[in-house]
Amino acid sequence: MNEALPGQRIDKWLYFARVVKTRTLASKFVQSGKVRINRQKTDNAARRVRPGDVLTIALRGRVLVLRVAGIATRRGPASEAAQLFEDVSPSSEALDAARSSIAEQALDGDEP
């Protein structure tokens, strides 16, 4: 019944795109609230993603921002999985610059 709907379950997509090692882990990962689809938090592993959706994922102490580029029918090799998304995560240099800018603003605000 769900196969008639466009897109793919988020847990299957995370598994096929090799973001996580198992589909069970993908399901638990989504249910823990560490995934946002188009800036909306989801805890439903059956929620569907479509090409063009932007996923924000808190994974291993960093934030990944992935734009869904395609839907897969199987978990293939890494080269195939890489075609399923475009990584639009901010670079670590940009994050460091933003953090230092925020820290400087906080320090400037404390002075009389």
Protein backbone atom coordinates (compact mmCIF):
# COMPACT_ATOMS: atom_id res chain seq x y z
CA MET A 1 0.00 0.00 0.00
CA ASN A 2 2.78 2.47 0.90
CA GLU A 3 4.70 1.50 -2.23
CA ALA A 4 2.20 3.53 -4.29
CA LEU A 5 3.25 6.72 -2.51
CA PRO A 6 6.11 8.72 -4.04
CA GLY A 7 9.49 8.63 -2.36
CA GLN A 8 11.02 6.16 0.06
CA ARG A 9 10.91 5.50 3.80
CA ILE A 10 13.58 7.52 5.60
CA ASP A 11 15.00 4.45 7.36
CA LYS A 12 15.43 2.60 4.06
CA TRP A 13 16.98 5.66 2.41
CA LEU A 14 19.51 6.14 5.24
CA TYR A 15 20.47 2.47 4.95
CA PHE A 16 20.71 2.47 1.14
CA ALA A 17 22.73 5.73 1.19
CA ARG A 18 25.15 4.11 3.68
CA VAL A 19 24.63 6.75 6.36
CA VAL A 20 24.09 3.90 8.86
CA LYS A 21 25.17 0.25 8.81
CA THR A 22 21.81 -1.51 9.29
CA ARG A 23 18.18 -0.72 8.63
CA THR A 24 17.33 -1.49 12.26
CA LEU A 25 19.92 1.07 13.34
CA ALA A 26 18.46 3.54 10.82
CA SER A 27 15.00 3.06 12.31
CA LYS A 28 16.26 3.55 15.88
CA PHE A 29 18.30 6.56 14.75
CA VAL A 30 15.22 8.28 13.28
CA GLN A 31 13.07 7.39 16.30
CA SER A 32 15.65 9.02 18.59
CA GLY A 33 14.90 12.38 16.92
CA LYS A 34 18.32 12.94 15.35
CA VAL A 35 16.93 13.49 11.84
CA ARG A 36 15.12 16.48 10.35
CA ILE A 37 13.43 16.48 6.96
CA ASN A 38 13.18 19.96 5.44
CA ARG A 39 13.88 21.50 8.89
CA GLN A 40 11.08 19.52 10.56
CA LYS A 41 12.05 17.05 13.27
CA THR A 42 10.75 13.55 12.68
CA ASP A 43 10.70 10.45 14.83
CA ASN A 44 8.72 8.35 12.36
CA ALA A 45 10.91 5.87 10.47
CA ALA A 46 8.12 5.39 7.91
CA ARG A 47 8.18 9.07 6.91
CA ARG A 48 8.90 9.34 3.21
CA VAL A 49 11.69 11.33 1.55
CA ARG A 50 11.72 12.47 -2.05
CA PRO A 51 14.40 13.87 -4.33
CA GLY A 52 14.98 17.50 -3.39
CA ASP A 53 14.30 17.01 0.33
CA VAL A 54 17.02 18.29 2.68
CA LEU A 55 17.97 16.06 5.61
CA THR A 56 19.74 17.42 8.67
CA ILE A 57 21.34 14.59 10.61
CA ALA A 58 23.14 14.72 13.98
CA LEU A 59 25.71 11.95 13.62
CA ARG A 60 28.81 11.21 15.70
CA GLY A 61 29.24 14.71 17.10
CA ARG A 62 28.72 16.57 13.84
CA VAL A 63 25.84 17.72 11.71
CA LEU A 64 25.36 16.40 8.19
CA VAL A 65 23.16 18.27 5.74
CA LEU A 66 22.25 16.08 2.78
CA ARG A 67 20.03 16.90 -0.20
CA VAL A 68 18.27 13.78 -1.47
CA ALA A 69 19.24 13.32 -5.13
CA GLY A 70 17.71 9.93 -5.77
CA ILE A 71 15.90 6.88 -4.50
CA ALA A 72 17.47 3.41 -4.51
CA THR A 73 15.98 -0.06 -4.70
CA ARG A 74 18.87 -1.76 -2.91
CA ARG A 75 21.96 -1.10 -0.80
CA GLY A 76 24.68 -1.06 -3.40
CA PRO A 77 28.37 -0.20 -3.36
CA ALA A 78 29.59 3.10 -1.93
CA SER A 79 29.92 4.60 -5.42
CA GLU A 80 26.23 3.91 -6.04
CA ALA A 81 25.23 5.22 -2.60
CA ALA A 82 27.11 8.49 -3.19
CA GLN A 83 24.77 9.23 -6.11
CA LEU A 84 21.75 9.24 -3.78
CA PHE A 85 22.65 12.53 -2.09
CA GLU A 86 24.49 15.82 -2.35
CA ASP A 87 26.39 16.82 0.78
CA VAL A 88 25.58 20.47 1.49
CA SER A 89 27.00 20.45 5.02
CA PRO A 90 28.87 23.60 5.99
CA SER A 91 32.62 23.11 5.89
CA SER A 92 34.49 22.78 9.16
CA GLU A 93 36.33 26.05 8.42
CA ALA A 94 33.03 27.90 8.01
CA LEU A 95 31.73 26.40 11.25
CA ASP A 96 34.89 27.41 13.12
CA ALA A 97 34.62 30.96 11.76
CA ALA A 98 30.97 31.18 12.80
CA ARG A 99 31.75 29.87 16.29
CA SER A 100 34.58 32.36 16.79
CA SER A 101 32.37 35.20 15.53
CA ILE A 102 29.64 34.24 18.01
CA ALA A 103 32.21 34.02 20.81
CA GLU A 104 33.57 37.47 19.94
CA GLN A 105 30.07 38.96 19.90
CA ALA A 106 29.35 37.41 23.30
CA LEU A 107 32.55 38.90 24.73
CA ASP A 108 31.82 42.33 23.23
CA GLY A 109 28.34 42.30 24.77
CA ASP A 110 29.75 41.77 28.28
CA GLU A 111 31.86 44.94 28.24
CA PRO A 112 30.36 48.18 29.69
